[in-house]
């Protein structure tokens, strides 16, 4: 049996191609996969579950949001 590929917040951000701050917001959504464990360094997720979740979402916007003109 293969072990799941585990990812922390930084890797979730890479998978989604967003900042760590944005990734943190996504992980708090009720439809985001539950962490498989919580370590002292933070929660960890099964990468396959995160990838499956991301495939069902609209495209993620990479980078910082643009400021609105004043």
C-alpha atoms as a PDB file:
ATOM      1  CA  UNK A   1       0.000   0.000   0.000  1.00  0.00           C
ATOM      2  CA  UNK A   2       1.373   3.399  -0.951  1.00  0.00           C
ATOM      3  CA  UNK A   3       1.539   6.123   1.664  1.00  0.00           C
ATOM      4  CA  UNK A   4      -0.381   9.308   0.872  1.00  0.00           C
ATOM      5  CA  UNK A   5       1.630  12.311  -0.248  1.00  0.00           C
ATOM      6  CA  UNK A   6       1.280  14.751   2.630  1.00  0.00           C
ATOM      7  CA  UNK A   7       1.370  18.526   2.264  1.00  0.00           C
ATOM      8  CA  UNK A   8       1.440  21.473   4.629  1.00  0.00           C
ATOM      9  CA  UNK A   9       0.169  24.982   4.012  1.00  0.00           C
ATOM     10  CA  UNK A  10       3.154  26.031   1.856  1.00  0.00           C
ATOM     11  CA  UNK A  11       2.626  23.037  -0.426  1.00  0.00           C
ATOM     12  CA  UNK A  12      -1.133  23.665  -0.585  1.00  0.00           C
ATOM     13  CA  UNK A  13      -0.304  27.197  -1.751  1.00  0.00           C
ATOM     14  CA  UNK A  14       1.968  25.747  -4.455  1.00  0.00           C
ATOM     15  CA  UNK A  15      -0.667  23.245  -5.580  1.00  0.00           C
ATOM     16  CA  UNK A  16      -3.266  26.009  -5.891  1.00  0.00           C
ATOM     17  CA  UNK A  17      -0.752  28.533  -7.282  1.00  0.00           C
ATOM     18  CA  UNK A  18      -1.760  31.133  -4.692  1.00  0.00           C
ATOM     19  CA  UNK A  19      -0.098  32.860  -1.754  1.00  0.00           C
ATOM     20  CA  UNK A  20       0.119  31.150   1.627  1.00  0.00           C
ATOM     21  CA  UNK A  21      -2.378  33.697   2.952  1.00  0.00           C
ATOM     22  CA  UNK A  22      -4.897  32.808   0.244  1.00  0.00           C
ATOM     23  CA  UNK A  23      -4.236  29.090   0.772  1.00  0.00           C
ATOM     24  CA  UNK A  24      -4.945  29.551   4.478  1.00  0.00           C
ATOM     25  CA  UNK A  25      -8.303  31.128   3.640  1.00  0.00           C
ATOM     26  CA  UNK A  26      -9.175  28.215   1.344  1.00  0.00           C
ATOM     27  CA  UNK A  27      -8.284  25.659   4.029  1.00  0.00           C
ATOM     28  CA  UNK A  28     -10.844  27.255   6.345  1.00  0.00           C
ATOM     29  CA  UNK A  29     -13.695  26.778   3.887  1.00  0.00           C
ATOM     30  CA  UNK A  30     -16.218  24.138   4.977  1.00  0.00           C
ATOM     31  CA  UNK A  31     -15.800  22.233   1.688  1.00  0.00           C
ATOM     32  CA  UNK A  32     -11.989  22.009   1.912  1.00  0.00           C
ATOM     33  CA  UNK A  33     -10.656  18.542   2.829  1.00  0.00           C
ATOM     34  CA  UNK A  34     -10.061  17.891   6.515  1.00  0.00           C
ATOM     35  CA  UNK A  35      -6.408  17.621   7.564  1.00  0.00           C
ATOM     36  CA  UNK A  36      -5.187  14.054   8.014  1.00  0.00           C
ATOM     37  CA  UNK A  37      -3.228  15.195  11.085  1.00  0.00           C
ATOM     38  CA  UNK A  38      -2.332  18.269  13.088  1.00  0.00           C
ATOM     39  CA  UNK A  39       1.313  18.619  14.069  1.00  0.00           C
ATOM     40  CA  UNK A  40       3.029  21.273  16.168  1.00  0.00           C
ATOM     41  CA  UNK A  41       4.043  22.878  12.846  1.00  0.00           C
ATOM     42  CA  UNK A  42       0.409  22.947  11.682  1.00  0.00           C
ATOM     43  CA  UNK A  43      -2.135  20.828   9.835  1.00  0.00           C
ATOM     44  CA  UNK A  44      -1.211  18.463   7.007  1.00  0.00           C
ATOM     45  CA  UNK A  45      -3.421  17.245   4.181  1.00  0.00           C
ATOM     46  CA  UNK A  46      -3.450  14.409   1.687  1.00  0.00           C
ATOM     47  CA  UNK A  47      -2.255  16.044  -1.550  1.00  0.00           C
ATOM     48  CA  UNK A  48      -4.599  13.899  -3.678  1.00  0.00           C
ATOM     49  CA  UNK A  49      -7.608  15.179  -1.706  1.00  0.00           C
ATOM     50  CA  UNK A  50      -6.464  18.789  -2.120  1.00  0.00           C
ATOM     51  CA  UNK A  51      -5.912  18.272  -5.858  1.00  0.00           C
ATOM     52  CA  UNK A  52      -9.360  16.667  -6.244  1.00  0.00           C
ATOM     53  CA  UNK A  53     -10.931  19.597  -4.348  1.00  0.00           C
ATOM     54  CA  UNK A  54      -9.066  22.124  -6.529  1.00  0.00           C
ATOM     55  CA  UNK A  55     -10.238  20.401  -9.733  1.00  0.00           C
ATOM     56  CA  UNK A  56     -13.866  21.117  -8.742  1.00  0.00           C
ATOM     57  CA  UNK A  57     -13.256  24.835  -8.101  1.00  0.00           C
ATOM     58  CA  UNK A  58     -13.309  27.765 -10.512  1.00  0.00           C
ATOM     59  CA  UNK A  59      -9.810  28.876 -11.565  1.00  0.00           C
ATOM     60  CA  UNK A  60      -7.795  30.394  -8.728  1.00  0.00           C
ATOM     61  CA  UNK A  61      -6.427  33.890  -9.157  1.00  0.00           C
ATOM     62  CA  UNK A  62      -2.681  33.946  -8.654  1.00  0.00           C
ATOM     63  CA  UNK A  63      -0.873  36.897  -7.175  1.00  0.00           C
ATOM     64  CA  UNK A  64      -2.029  39.875  -5.191  1.00  0.00           C
ATOM     65  CA  UNK A  65      -5.450  41.401  -5.753  1.00  0.00           C
ATOM     66  CA  UNK A  66      -5.360  44.631  -7.711  1.00  0.00           C
ATOM     67  CA  UNK A  67      -6.093  47.826  -5.891  1.00  0.00           C
ATOM     68  CA  UNK A  68      -9.092  49.749  -7.068  1.00  0.00           C
ATOM     69  CA  UNK A  69      -8.404  53.230  -8.367  1.00  0.00           C
ATOM     70  CA  UNK A  70      -9.342  55.968  -5.927  1.00  0.00           C
END
